[in-house]
Amino acid sequence: MKNAMGKIYDKLVRDKIPEHIRSKGQSPKTHVAGPAEYWQKLKAKLREETDEFLASETIEEMADIQEVLGAICRHQRFSPKKIEAVRLAKAKERGSFKKKIILEEVRTIKKI
């Protein structure tokens, strides 16, 4: 979106983006998010980065997703060890995605 002065973004950006913008002779308007706004913007950023990965399927976009996931984990205080433990438990109970199984349909079997 553009206004009379420039383009409006209203999104979470990496820490050095304002410096980068200034180095190009532009003037960024920023603020530091509080906890509730930060949480909302992190979720929006995850969606943005996931959409970008789905469009391009590049390692750079996957790296961006991992950066956002790391920020989400820090914000929510999810420890990497706990996440891995939950992942392993789910994999043990339900499996992984290694066999590439596609569920096409589930039919109810009527008992007579």
PDB file of N, CA and C in Angstrom:
ATOM      1  N   MET A   1       0.854  -1.173   0.000  1.00  0.00           N
ATOM      2  CA  MET A   1       0.000   0.000   0.000  1.00  0.00           C
ATOM      3  C   MET A   1       0.899   1.236   0.000  1.00  0.00           C
ATOM      4  N   LYS A   2       0.525   2.228  -0.768  1.00  0.00           N
ATOM      5  CA  LYS A   2       1.288   3.473  -0.805  1.00  0.00           C
ATOM      6  C   LYS A   2       0.449   4.606  -0.258  1.00  0.00           C
ATOM      7  N   ASN A   3       1.131   5.525   0.434  1.00  0.00           N
ATOM      8  CA  ASN A   3       0.484   6.759   0.829  1.00  0.00           C
ATOM      9  C   ASN A   3       1.257   7.897   0.167  1.00  0.00           C
ATOM     10  N   ALA A   4       0.977   9.124   0.526  1.00  0.00           N
ATOM     11  CA  ALA A   4       1.640  10.259  -0.111  1.00  0.00           C
ATOM     12  C   ALA A   4       3.142  10.260   0.137  1.00  0.00           C
ATOM     13  N   MET A   5       3.587   9.613   1.200  1.00  0.00           N
ATOM     14  CA  MET A   5       4.995   9.665   1.576  1.00  0.00           C
ATOM     15  C   MET A   5       5.786   8.419   1.174  1.00  0.00           C
ATOM     16  N   GLY A   6       5.152   7.280   1.030  1.00  0.00           N
ATOM     17  CA  GLY A   6       5.893   6.056   0.726  1.00  0.00           C
ATOM     18  C   GLY A   6       5.008   4.833   0.792  1.00  0.00           C
ATOM     19  N   LYS A   7       5.644   3.685   0.919  1.00  0.00           N
ATOM     20  CA  LYS A   7       4.934   2.416   0.942  1.00  0.00           C
ATOM     21  C   LYS A   7       4.726   1.955   2.391  1.00  0.00           C
ATOM     22  N   ILE A   8       3.525   1.494   2.707  1.00  0.00           N
ATOM     23  CA  ILE A   8       3.197   1.017   4.053  1.00  0.00           C
ATOM     24  C   ILE A   8       3.313  -0.506   4.078  1.00  0.00           C
ATOM     25  N   TYR A   9       4.029  -1.021   5.051  1.00  0.00           N
ATOM     26  CA  TYR A   9       4.236  -2.463   5.176  1.00  0.00           C
ATOM     27  C   TYR A   9       3.506  -3.066   6.373  1.00  0.00           C
ATOM     28  N   ASP A  10       3.634  -2.485   7.553  1.00  0.00           N
ATOM     29  CA  ASP A  10       3.012  -2.986   8.784  1.00  0.00           C
ATOM     30  C   ASP A  10       3.280  -4.474   8.992  1.00  0.00           C
ATOM     31  N   LYS A  11       4.563  -4.877   8.926  1.00  0.00           N
ATOM     32  CA  LYS A  11       4.910  -6.273   9.126  1.00  0.00           C
ATOM     33  C   LYS A  11       6.216  -6.387   9.888  1.00  0.00           C
ATOM     34  N   LEU A  12       6.411  -7.537  10.504  1.00  0.00           N
ATOM     35  CA  LEU A  12       7.636  -7.851  11.220  1.00  0.00           C
ATOM     36  C   LEU A  12       8.762  -8.024  10.211  1.00  0.00           C
ATOM     37  N   VAL A  13       9.912  -7.394  10.507  1.00  0.00           N
ATOM     38  CA  VAL A  13      11.073  -7.532   9.628  1.00  0.00           C
ATOM     39  C   VAL A  13      12.294  -7.934  10.457  1.00  0.00           C
ATOM     40  N   ARG A  14      13.293  -8.436   9.780  1.00  0.00           N
ATOM     41  CA  ARG A  14      14.551  -8.800  10.440  1.00  0.00           C
ATOM     42  C   ARG A  14      15.189  -7.558  11.060  1.00  0.00           C
ATOM     43  N   ASP A  15      15.982  -7.782  12.099  1.00  0.00           N
ATOM     44  CA  ASP A  15      16.543  -6.695  12.913  1.00  0.00           C
ATOM     45  C   ASP A  15      17.362  -5.665  12.140  1.00  0.00           C
ATOM     46  N   LYS A  16      18.042  -6.082  11.092  1.00  0.00           N
ATOM     47  CA  LYS A  16      18.927  -5.161  10.365  1.00  0.00           C
ATOM     48  C   LYS A  16      18.265  -4.492   9.167  1.00  0.00           C
ATOM     49  N   ILE A  17      17.005  -4.762   8.917  1.00  0.00           N
ATOM     50  CA  ILE A  17      16.313  -4.164   7.767  1.00  0.00           C
ATOM     51  C   ILE A  17      16.255  -2.638   7.859  1.00  0.00           C
ATOM     52  N   PRO A  18      15.961  -2.037   9.015  1.00  0.00           N
ATOM     53  CA  PRO A  18      15.975  -0.569   9.051  1.00  0.00           C
ATOM     54  C   PRO A  18      17.337   0.027   8.657  1.00  0.00           C
ATOM     55  N   GLU A  19      18.445  -0.600   9.112  1.00  0.00           N
ATOM     56  CA  GLU A  19      19.784  -0.144   8.720  1.00  0.00           C
ATOM     57  C   GLU A  19      19.953  -0.227   7.210  1.00  0.00           C
ATOM     58  N   HIS A  20      19.521  -1.331   6.638  1.00  0.00           N
ATOM     59  CA  HIS A  20      19.636  -1.543   5.195  1.00  0.00           C
ATOM     60  C   HIS A  20      18.858  -0.468   4.426  1.00  0.00           C
ATOM     61  N   ILE A  21      17.676  -0.153   4.892  1.00  0.00           N
ATOM     62  CA  ILE A  21      16.854   0.872   4.244  1.00  0.00           C
ATOM     63  C   ILE A  21      17.546   2.231   4.329  1.00  0.00           C
ATOM     64  N   ARG A  22      18.088   2.555   5.508  1.00  0.00           N
ATOM     65  CA  ARG A  22      18.809   3.830   5.665  1.00  0.00           C
ATOM     66  C   ARG A  22      20.028   3.897   4.760  1.00  0.00           C
ATOM     67  N   SER A  23      20.716   2.772   4.582  1.00  0.00           N
ATOM     68  CA  SER A  23      21.914   2.752   3.728  1.00  0.00           C
ATOM     69  C   SER A  23      21.583   3.042   2.270  1.00  0.00           C
ATOM     70  N   LYS A  24      20.318   2.881   1.914  1.00  0.00           N
ATOM     71  CA  LYS A  24      19.864   3.171   0.547  1.00  0.00           C
ATOM     72  C   LYS A  24      19.312   4.590   0.426  1.00  0.00           C
ATOM     73  N   GLY A  25      19.499   5.396   1.494  1.00  0.00           N
ATOM     74  CA  GLY A  25      19.049   6.782   1.459  1.00  0.00           C
ATOM     75  C   GLY A  25      17.572   6.970   1.742  1.00  0.00           C
ATOM     76  N   GLN A  26      16.927   5.954   2.281  1.00  0.00           N
ATOM     77  CA  GLN A  26      15.511   6.046   2.614  1.00  0.00           C
ATOM     78  C   GLN A  26      15.351   6.128   4.131  1.00  0.00           C
ATOM     79  N   SER A  27      14.163   6.485   4.568  1.00  0.00           N
ATOM     80  CA  SER A  27      13.908   6.672   5.991  1.00  0.00           C
ATOM     81  C   SER A  27      12.768   5.756   6.439  1.00  0.00           C
ATOM     82  N   PRO A  28      13.111   4.675   7.179  1.00  0.00           N
ATOM     83  CA  PRO A  28      12.060   3.771   7.654  1.00  0.00           C
ATOM     84  C   PRO A  28      11.375   4.314   8.899  1.00  0.00           C
ATOM     85  N   LYS A  29      10.079   4.120   8.989  1.00  0.00           N
ATOM     86  CA  LYS A  29       9.337   4.420  10.213  1.00  0.00           C
ATOM     87  C   LYS A  29       9.063   3.078  10.870  1.00  0.00           C
ATOM     88  N   THR A  30       9.511   2.896  12.116  1.00  0.00           N
ATOM     89  CA  THR A  30       9.385   1.616  12.815  1.00  0.00           C
ATOM     90  C   THR A  30       8.909   1.824  14.242  1.00  0.00           C
ATOM     91  N   HIS A  31       8.513   0.743  14.890  1.00  0.00           N
ATOM     92  CA  HIS A  31       8.287   0.726  16.333  1.00  0.00           C
ATOM     93  C   HIS A  31       8.594  -0.675  16.826  1.00  0.00           C
ATOM     94  N   VAL A  32       8.810  -0.815  18.117  1.00  0.00           N
ATOM     95  CA  VAL A  32       9.070  -2.113  18.725  1.00  0.00           C
ATOM     96  C   VAL A  32       7.741  -2.671  19.227  1.00  0.00           C
ATOM     97  N   ALA A  33       7.424  -3.866  18.779  1.00  0.00           N
ATOM     98  CA  ALA A  33       6.154  -4.504  19.148  1.00  0.00           C
ATOM     99  C   ALA A  33       6.162  -4.941  20.603  1.00  0.00           C
ATOM    100  N   GLY A  34       5.015  -4.860  21.222  1.00  0.00           N
ATOM    101  CA  GLY A  34       4.810  -5.466  22.533  1.00  0.00           C
ATOM    102  C   GLY A  34       4.546  -6.950  22.344  1.00  0.00           C
ATOM    103  N   PRO A  35       4.431  -7.692  23.434  1.00  0.00           N
ATOM    104  CA  PRO A  35       4.261  -9.152  23.339  1.00  0.00           C
ATOM    105  C   PRO A  35       3.071  -9.603  22.493  1.00  0.00           C
ATOM    106  N   ALA A  36       1.910  -8.989  22.658  1.00  0.00           N
ATOM    107  CA  ALA A  36       0.720  -9.431  21.905  1.00  0.00           C
ATOM    108  C   ALA A  36       0.867  -9.127  20.415  1.00  0.00           C
ATOM    109  N   GLU A  37       1.327  -7.928  20.095  1.00  0.00           N
ATOM    110  CA  GLU A  37       1.509  -7.582  18.677  1.00  0.00           C
ATOM    111  C   GLU A  37       2.596  -8.453  18.055  1.00  0.00           C
ATOM    112  N   TYR A  38       3.698  -8.672  18.794  1.00  0.00           N
ATOM    113  CA  TYR A  38       4.792  -9.498  18.289  1.00  0.00           C
ATOM    114  C   TYR A  38       4.296 -10.902  17.955  1.00  0.00           C
ATOM    115  N   TRP A  39       3.483 -11.483  18.839  1.00  0.00           N
ATOM    116  CA  TRP A  39       2.945 -12.828  18.606  1.00  0.00           C
ATOM    117  C   TRP A  39       2.096 -12.856  17.333  1.00  0.00           C
ATOM    118  N   GLN A  40       1.233 -11.861  17.158  1.00  0.00           N
ATOM    119  CA  GLN A  40       0.402 -11.799  15.954  1.00  0.00           C
ATOM    120  C   GLN A  40       1.248 -11.631  14.697  1.00  0.00           C
ATOM    121  N   LYS A  41       2.255 -10.778  14.768  1.00  0.00           N
ATOM    122  CA  LYS A  41       3.118 -10.531  13.602  1.00  0.00           C
ATOM    123  C   LYS A  41       3.999 -11.740  13.297  1.00  0.00           C
ATOM    124  N   LEU A  42       4.423 -12.491  14.331  1.00  0.00           N
ATOM    125  CA  LEU A  42       5.185 -13.717  14.076  1.00  0.00           C
ATOM    126  C   LEU A  42       4.350 -14.731  13.310  1.00  0.00           C
ATOM    127  N   LYS A  43       3.099 -14.884  13.709  1.00  0.00           N
ATOM    128  CA  LYS A  43       2.226 -15.830  13.005  1.00  0.00           C
ATOM    129  C   LYS A  43       1.994 -15.385  11.562  1.00  0.00           C
ATOM    130  N   ALA A  44       1.817 -14.092  11.362  1.00  0.00           N
ATOM    131  CA  ALA A  44       1.649 -13.566   9.998  1.00  0.00           C
ATOM    132  C   ALA A  44       2.926 -13.773   9.186  1.00  0.00           C
ATOM    133  N   LYS A  45       4.082 -13.589   9.827  1.00  0.00           N
ATOM    134  CA  LYS A  45       5.367 -13.770   9.137  1.00  0.00           C
ATOM    135  C   LYS A  45       5.560 -15.226   8.744  1.00  0.00           C
ATOM    136  N   LEU A  46       5.148 -16.153   9.604  1.00  0.00           N
ATOM    137  CA  LEU A  46       5.244 -17.577   9.261  1.00  0.00           C
ATOM    138  C   LEU A  46       4.409 -17.881   8.022  1.00  0.00           C
ATOM    139  N   ARG A  47       3.210 -17.347   7.976  1.00  0.00           N
ATOM    140  CA  ARG A  47       2.350 -17.552   6.808  1.00  0.00           C
ATOM    141  C   ARG A  47       3.008 -16.937   5.560  1.00  0.00           C
ATOM    142  N   GLU A  48       3.534 -15.713   5.696  1.00  0.00           N
ATOM    143  CA  GLU A  48       4.194 -15.041   4.565  1.00  0.00           C
ATOM    144  C   GLU A  48       5.362 -15.871   4.038  1.00  0.00           C
ATOM    145  N   GLU A  49       6.226 -16.322   4.946  1.00  0.00           N
ATOM    146  CA  GLU A  49       7.401 -17.078   4.521  1.00  0.00           C
ATOM    147  C   GLU A  49       7.019 -18.439   3.945  1.00  0.00           C
ATOM    148  N   THR A  50       5.991 -19.064   4.509  1.00  0.00           N
ATOM    149  CA  THR A  50       5.522 -20.344   3.974  1.00  0.00           C
ATOM    150  C   THR A  50       4.959 -20.162   2.568  1.00  0.00           C
ATOM    151  N   ASP A  51       4.179 -19.121   2.365  1.00  0.00           N
ATOM    152  CA  ASP A  51       3.647 -18.837   1.027  1.00  0.00           C
ATOM    153  C   ASP A  51       4.780 -18.601   0.034  1.00  0.00           C
ATOM    154  N   GLU A  52       5.819 -17.871   0.462  1.00  0.00           N
ATOM    155  CA  GLU A  52       6.959 -17.614  -0.424  1.00  0.00           C
ATOM    156  C   GLU A  52       7.689 -18.911  -0.755  1.00  0.00           C
ATOM    157  N   PHE A  53       7.828 -19.799   0.234  1.00  0.00           N
ATOM    158  CA  PHE A  53       8.462 -21.090  -0.045  1.00  0.00           C
ATOM    159  C   PHE A  53       7.620 -21.904  -1.024  1.00  0.00           C
ATOM    160  N   LEU A  54       6.315 -21.933  -0.817  1.00  0.00           N
ATOM    161  CA  LEU A  54       5.443 -22.696  -1.712  1.00  0.00           C
ATOM    162  C   LEU A  54       5.512 -22.175  -3.140  1.00  0.00           C
ATOM    163  N   ALA A  55       5.727 -20.878  -3.297  1.00  0.00           N
ATOM    164  CA  ALA A  55       5.823 -20.283  -4.635  1.00  0.00           C
ATOM    165  C   ALA A  55       7.176 -20.556  -5.290  1.00  0.00           C
ATOM    166  N   SER A  56       8.261 -20.577  -4.486  1.00  0.00           N
ATOM    167  CA  SER A  56       9.594 -20.672  -5.096  1.00  0.00           C
ATOM    168  C   SER A  56      10.347 -21.966  -4.798  1.00  0.00           C
ATOM    169  N   GLU A  57      10.011 -22.620  -3.691  1.00  0.00           N
ATOM    170  CA  GLU A  57      10.649 -23.867  -3.268  1.00  0.00           C
ATOM    171  C   GLU A  57      12.177 -23.758  -3.185  1.00  0.00           C
ATOM    172  N   THR A  58      12.681 -22.632  -2.649  1.00  0.00           N
ATOM    173  CA  THR A  58      14.127 -22.426  -2.562  1.00  0.00           C
ATOM    174  C   THR A  58      14.630 -22.655  -1.149  1.00  0.00           C
ATOM    175  N   ILE A  59      15.909 -22.934  -1.041  1.00  0.00           N
ATOM    176  CA  ILE A  59      16.534 -23.123   0.267  1.00  0.00           C
ATOM    177  C   ILE A  59      16.531 -21.816   1.057  1.00  0.00           C
ATOM    178  N   GLU A  60      16.607 -20.681   0.355  1.00  0.00           N
ATOM    179  CA  GLU A  60      16.560 -19.382   1.029  1.00  0.00           C
ATOM    180  C   GLU A  60      15.229 -19.186   1.752  1.00  0.00           C
ATOM    181  N   GLU A  61      14.147 -19.556   1.112  1.00  0.00           N
ATOM    182  CA  GLU A  61      12.830 -19.427   1.749  1.00  0.00           C
ATOM    183  C   GLU A  61      12.678 -20.419   2.894  1.00  0.00           C
ATOM    184  N   MET A  62      13.258 -21.610   2.750  1.00  0.00           N
ATOM    185  CA  MET A  62      13.221 -22.574   3.857  1.00  0.00           C
ATOM    186  C   MET A  62      14.006 -22.025   5.041  1.00  0.00           C
ATOM    187  N   ALA A  63      15.128 -21.369   4.778  1.00  0.00           N
ATOM    188  CA  ALA A  63      15.914 -20.745   5.850  1.00  0.00           C
ATOM    189  C   ALA A  63      15.104 -19.651   6.543  1.00  0.00           C
ATOM    190  N   ASP A  64      14.327 -18.890   5.774  1.00  0.00           N
ATOM    191  CA  ASP A  64      13.472 -17.856   6.365  1.00  0.00           C
ATOM    192  C   ASP A  64      12.413 -18.472   7.275  1.00  0.00           C
ATOM    193  N   ILE A  65      11.838 -19.589   6.849  1.00  0.00           N
ATOM    194  CA  ILE A  65      10.848 -20.288   7.678  1.00  0.00           C
ATOM    195  C   ILE A  65      11.496 -20.730   8.980  1.00  0.00           C
ATOM    196  N   GLN A  66      12.701 -21.291   8.901  1.00  0.00           N
ATOM    197  CA  GLN A  66      13.376 -21.746  10.110  1.00  0.00           C
ATOM    198  C   GLN A  66      13.713 -20.587  11.041  1.00  0.00           C
ATOM    199  N   GLU A  67      14.056 -19.437  10.484  1.00  0.00           N
ATOM    200  CA  GLU A  67      14.327 -18.257  11.314  1.00  0.00           C
ATOM    201  C   GLU A  67      13.066 -17.847  12.081  1.00  0.00           C
ATOM    202  N   VAL A  68      11.928 -17.853  11.396  1.00  0.00           N
ATOM    203  CA  VAL A  68      10.666 -17.492  12.048  1.00  0.00           C
ATOM    204  C   VAL A  68      10.279 -18.545  13.084  1.00  0.00           C
ATOM    205  N   LEU A  69      10.466 -19.816  12.758  1.00  0.00           N
ATOM    206  CA  LEU A  69      10.168 -20.871  13.731  1.00  0.00           C
ATOM    207  C   LEU A  69      11.021 -20.716  14.983  1.00  0.00           C
ATOM    208  N   GLY A  70      12.287 -20.350  14.816  1.00  0.00           N
ATOM    209  CA  GLY A  70      13.153 -20.118  15.969  1.00  0.00           C
ATOM    210  C   GLY A  70      12.637 -18.977  16.830  1.00  0.00           C
ATOM    211  N   ALA A  71      12.190 -17.901  16.186  1.00  0.00           N
ATOM    212  CA  ALA A  71      11.638 -16.763  16.932  1.00  0.00           C
ATOM    213  C   ALA A  71      10.362 -17.156  17.665  1.00  0.00           C
ATOM    214  N   ILE A  72       9.529 -17.958  17.009  1.00  0.00           N
ATOM    215  CA  ILE A  72       8.292 -18.430  17.654  1.00  0.00           C
ATOM    216  C   ILE A  72       8.634 -19.287  18.870  1.00  0.00           C
ATOM    217  N   CYS A  73       9.595 -20.178  18.725  1.00  0.00           N
ATOM    218  CA  CYS A  73       9.983 -21.047  19.842  1.00  0.00           C
ATOM    219  C   CYS A  73      10.520 -20.232  21.011  1.00  0.00           C
ATOM    220  N   ARG A  74      11.342 -19.222  20.728  1.00  0.00           N
ATOM    221  CA  ARG A  74      11.855 -18.374  21.808  1.00  0.00           C
ATOM    222  C   ARG A  74      10.721 -17.608  22.476  1.00  0.00           C
ATOM    223  N   HIS A  75       9.820 -17.060  21.670  1.00  0.00           N
ATOM    224  CA  HIS A  75       8.705 -16.280  22.211  1.00  0.00           C
ATOM    225  C   HIS A  75       7.784 -17.138  23.081  1.00  0.00           C
ATOM    226  N   GLN A  76       7.507 -18.345  22.634  1.00  0.00           N
ATOM    227  CA  GLN A  76       6.595 -19.239  23.350  1.00  0.00           C
ATOM    228  C   GLN A  76       7.319 -20.099  24.395  1.00  0.00           C
ATOM    229  N   ARG A  77       8.629 -19.927  24.474  1.00  0.00           N
ATOM    230  CA  ARG A  77       9.471 -20.694  25.400  1.00  0.00           C
ATOM    231  C   ARG A  77       9.354 -22.203  25.157  1.00  0.00           C
ATOM    232  N   PHE A  78       9.365 -22.578  23.885  1.00  0.00           N
ATOM    233  CA  PHE A  78       9.397 -23.986  23.498  1.00  0.00           C
ATOM    234  C   PHE A  78      10.871 -24.374  23.372  1.00  0.00           C
ATOM    235  N   SER A  79      11.334 -25.292  24.181  1.00  0.00           N
ATOM    236  CA  SER A  79      12.741 -25.688  24.100  1.00  0.00           C
ATOM    237  C   SER A  79      12.941 -26.646  22.928  1.00  0.00           C
ATOM    238  N   PRO A  80      14.088 -26.539  22.254  1.00  0.00           N
ATOM    239  CA  PRO A  80      14.377 -27.473  21.155  1.00  0.00           C
ATOM    240  C   PRO A  80      14.323 -28.936  21.610  1.00  0.00           C
ATOM    241  N   LYS A  81      14.796 -29.213  22.825  1.00  0.00           N
ATOM    242  CA  LYS A  81      14.763 -30.595  23.327  1.00  0.00           C
ATOM    243  C   LYS A  81      13.330 -31.092  23.487  1.00  0.00           C
ATOM    244  N   LYS A  82      12.453 -30.244  24.012  1.00  0.00           N
ATOM    245  CA  LYS A  82      11.056 -30.632  24.211  1.00  0.00           C
ATOM    246  C   LYS A  82      10.356 -30.827  22.858  1.00  0.00           C
ATOM    247  N   ILE A  83      10.625 -29.928  21.932  1.00  0.00           N
ATOM    248  CA  ILE A  83      10.034 -30.067  20.589  1.00  0.00           C
ATOM    249  C   ILE A  83      10.460 -31.391  19.968  1.00  0.00           C
ATOM    250  N   GLU A  84      11.745 -31.702  20.072  1.00  0.00           N
ATOM    251  CA  GLU A  84      12.243 -32.955  19.500  1.00  0.00           C
ATOM    252  C   GLU A  84      11.619 -34.160  20.194  1.00  0.00           C
ATOM    253  N   ALA A  85      11.439 -34.087  21.504  1.00  0.00           N
ATOM    254  CA  ALA A  85      10.807 -35.192  22.236  1.00  0.00           C
ATOM    255  C   ALA A  85       9.367 -35.403  21.771  1.00  0.00           C
ATOM    256  N   VAL A  86       8.634 -34.319  21.586  1.00  0.00           N
ATOM    257  CA  VAL A  86       7.251 -34.413  21.107  1.00  0.00           C
ATOM    258  C   VAL A  86       7.229 -34.957  19.680  1.00  0.00           C
ATOM    259  N   ARG A  87       8.149 -34.464  18.847  1.00  0.00           N
ATOM    260  CA  ARG A  87       8.218 -34.946  17.456  1.00  0.00           C
ATOM    261  C   ARG A  87       8.484 -36.450  17.421  1.00  0.00           C
ATOM    262  N   LEU A  88       9.445 -36.902  18.223  1.00  0.00           N
ATOM    263  CA  LEU A  88       9.777 -38.325  18.246  1.00  0.00           C
ATOM    264  C   LEU A  88       8.619 -39.168  18.761  1.00  0.00           C
ATOM    265  N   ALA A  89       7.922 -38.688  19.778  1.00  0.00           N
ATOM    266  CA  ALA A  89       6.771 -39.424  20.308  1.00  0.00           C
ATOM    267  C   ALA A  89       5.673 -39.546  19.252  1.00  0.00           C
ATOM    268  N   LYS A  90       5.418 -38.448  18.543  1.00  0.00           N
ATOM    269  CA  LYS A  90       4.391 -38.500  17.492  1.00  0.00           C
ATOM    270  C   LYS A  90       4.823 -39.427  16.355  1.00  0.00           C
ATOM    271  N   ALA A  91       6.100 -39.389  16.008  1.00  0.00           N
ATOM    272  CA  ALA A  91       6.604 -40.267  14.947  1.00  0.00           C
ATOM    273  C   ALA A  91       6.494 -41.730  15.360  1.00  0.00           C
ATOM    274  N   LYS A  92       6.768 -42.008  16.636  1.00  0.00           N
ATOM    275  CA  LYS A  92       6.657 -43.386  17.118  1.00  0.00           C
ATOM    276  C   LYS A  92       5.211 -43.865  17.090  1.00  0.00           C
ATOM    277  N   GLU A  93       4.290 -42.987  17.508  1.00  0.00           N
ATOM    278  CA  GLU A  93       2.882 -43.360  17.574  1.00  0.00           C
ATOM    279  C   GLU A  93       2.208 -43.403  16.201  1.00  0.00           C
ATOM    280  N   ARG A  94       2.496 -42.399  15.369  1.00  0.00           N
ATOM    281  CA  ARG A  94       1.769 -42.258  14.103  1.00  0.00           C
ATOM    282  C   ARG A  94       2.642 -42.399  12.864  1.00  0.00           C
ATOM    283  N   GLY A  95       3.945 -42.456  13.062  1.00  0.00           N
ATOM    284  CA  GLY A  95       4.866 -42.574  11.941  1.00  0.00           C
ATOM    285  C   GLY A  95       5.330 -41.205  11.463  1.00  0.00           C
ATOM    286  N   SER A  96       6.155 -41.234  10.421  1.00  0.00           N
ATOM    287  CA  SER A  96       6.676 -40.008   9.816  1.00  0.00           C
ATOM    288  C   SER A  96       6.034 -39.840   8.437  1.00  0.00           C
ATOM    289  N   PHE A  97       6.782 -39.294   7.524  1.00  0.00           N
ATOM    290  CA  PHE A  97       6.286 -39.125   6.150  1.00  0.00           C
ATOM    291  C   PHE A  97       7.216 -39.809   5.155  1.00  0.00           C
ATOM    292  N   LYS A  98       8.017 -40.739   5.635  1.00  0.00           N
ATOM    293  CA  LYS A  98       9.027 -41.402   4.809  1.00  0.00           C
ATOM    294  C   LYS A  98       8.425 -42.296   3.727  1.00  0.00           C
ATOM    295  N   LYS A  99       7.280 -42.914   4.022  1.00  0.00           N
ATOM    296  CA  LYS A  99       6.682 -43.860   3.072  1.00  0.00           C
ATOM    297  C   LYS A  99       5.834 -43.174   2.000  1.00  0.00           C
ATOM    298  N   LYS A 100       5.673 -41.870   2.094  1.00  0.00           N
ATOM    299  CA  LYS A 100       4.967 -41.061   1.080  1.00  0.00           C
ATOM    300  C   LYS A 100       3.519 -41.527   0.849  1.00  0.00           C
ATOM    301  N   ILE A 101       2.851 -41.939   1.910  1.00  0.00           N
ATOM    302  CA  ILE A 101       1.489 -42.469   1.816  1.00  0.00           C
ATOM    303  C   ILE A 101       0.489 -41.330   1.612  1.00  0.00           C
ATOM    304  N   ILE A 102      -0.380 -41.486   0.642  1.00  0.00           N
ATOM    305  CA  ILE A 102      -1.456 -40.531   0.366  1.00  0.00           C
ATOM    306  C   ILE A 102      -2.772 -41.194   0.760  1.00  0.00           C
ATOM    307  N   LEU A 103      -3.481 -40.613   1.702  1.00  0.00           N
ATOM    308  CA  LEU A 103      -4.793 -41.128   2.100  1.00  0.00           C
ATOM    309  C   LEU A 103      -5.823 -40.590   1.120  1.00  0.00           C
ATOM    310  N   GLU A 104      -6.446 -41.479   0.377  1.00  0.00           N
ATOM    311  CA  GLU A 104      -7.400 -41.078  -0.641  1.00  0.00           C
ATOM    312  C   GLU A 104      -8.829 -41.008  -0.108  1.00  0.00           C
ATOM    313  N   GLU A 105      -9.193 -41.945   0.744  1.00  0.00           N
ATOM    314  CA  GLU A 105     -10.578 -42.017   1.194  1.00  0.00           C
ATOM    315  C   GLU A 105     -10.644 -42.938   2.401  1.00  0.00           C
ATOM    316  N   VAL A 106     -11.647 -42.728   3.221  1.00  0.00           N
ATOM    317  CA  VAL A 106     -11.952 -43.623   4.334  1.00  0.00           C
ATOM    318  C   VAL A 106     -13.425 -43.982   4.223  1.00  0.00           C
ATOM    319  N   ARG A 107     -13.695 -45.258   4.153  1.00  0.00           N
ATOM    320  CA  ARG A 107     -15.083 -45.713   4.059  1.00  0.00           C
ATOM    321  C   ARG A 107     -15.490 -46.377   5.354  1.00  0.00           C
ATOM    322  N   THR A 108     -16.739 -46.170   5.706  1.00  0.00           N
ATOM    323  CA  THR A 108     -17.295 -46.810   6.888  1.00  0.00           C
ATOM    324  C   THR A 108     -17.784 -48.190   6.506  1.00  0.00           C
ATOM    325  N   ILE A 109     -17.368 -49.163   7.275  1.00  0.00           N
ATOM    326  CA  ILE A 109     -17.799 -50.534   7.016  1.00  0.00           C
ATOM    327  C   ILE A 109     -19.017 -50.828   7.875  1.00  0.00           C
ATOM    328  N   LYS A 110     -20.117 -51.132   7.210  1.00  0.00           N
ATOM    329  CA  LYS A 110     -21.352 -51.415   7.936  1.00  0.00           C
ATOM    330  C   LYS A 110     -21.330 -52.826   8.468  1.00  0.00           C
ATOM    331  N   LYS A 111     -21.649 -52.942   9.740  1.00  0.00           N
ATOM    332  CA  LYS A 111     -21.727 -54.255  10.357  1.00  0.00           C
ATOM    333  C   LYS A 111     -23.142 -54.773  10.213  1.00  0.00           C
ATOM    334  N   ILE A 112     -23.239 -56.061   9.956  1.00  0.00           N
ATOM    335  CA  ILE A 112     -24.552 -56.674   9.771  1.00  0.00           C
ATOM    336  C   ILE A 112     -24.976 -57.385  11.021  1.00  0.00           C
TER     337      ILE A 112
END
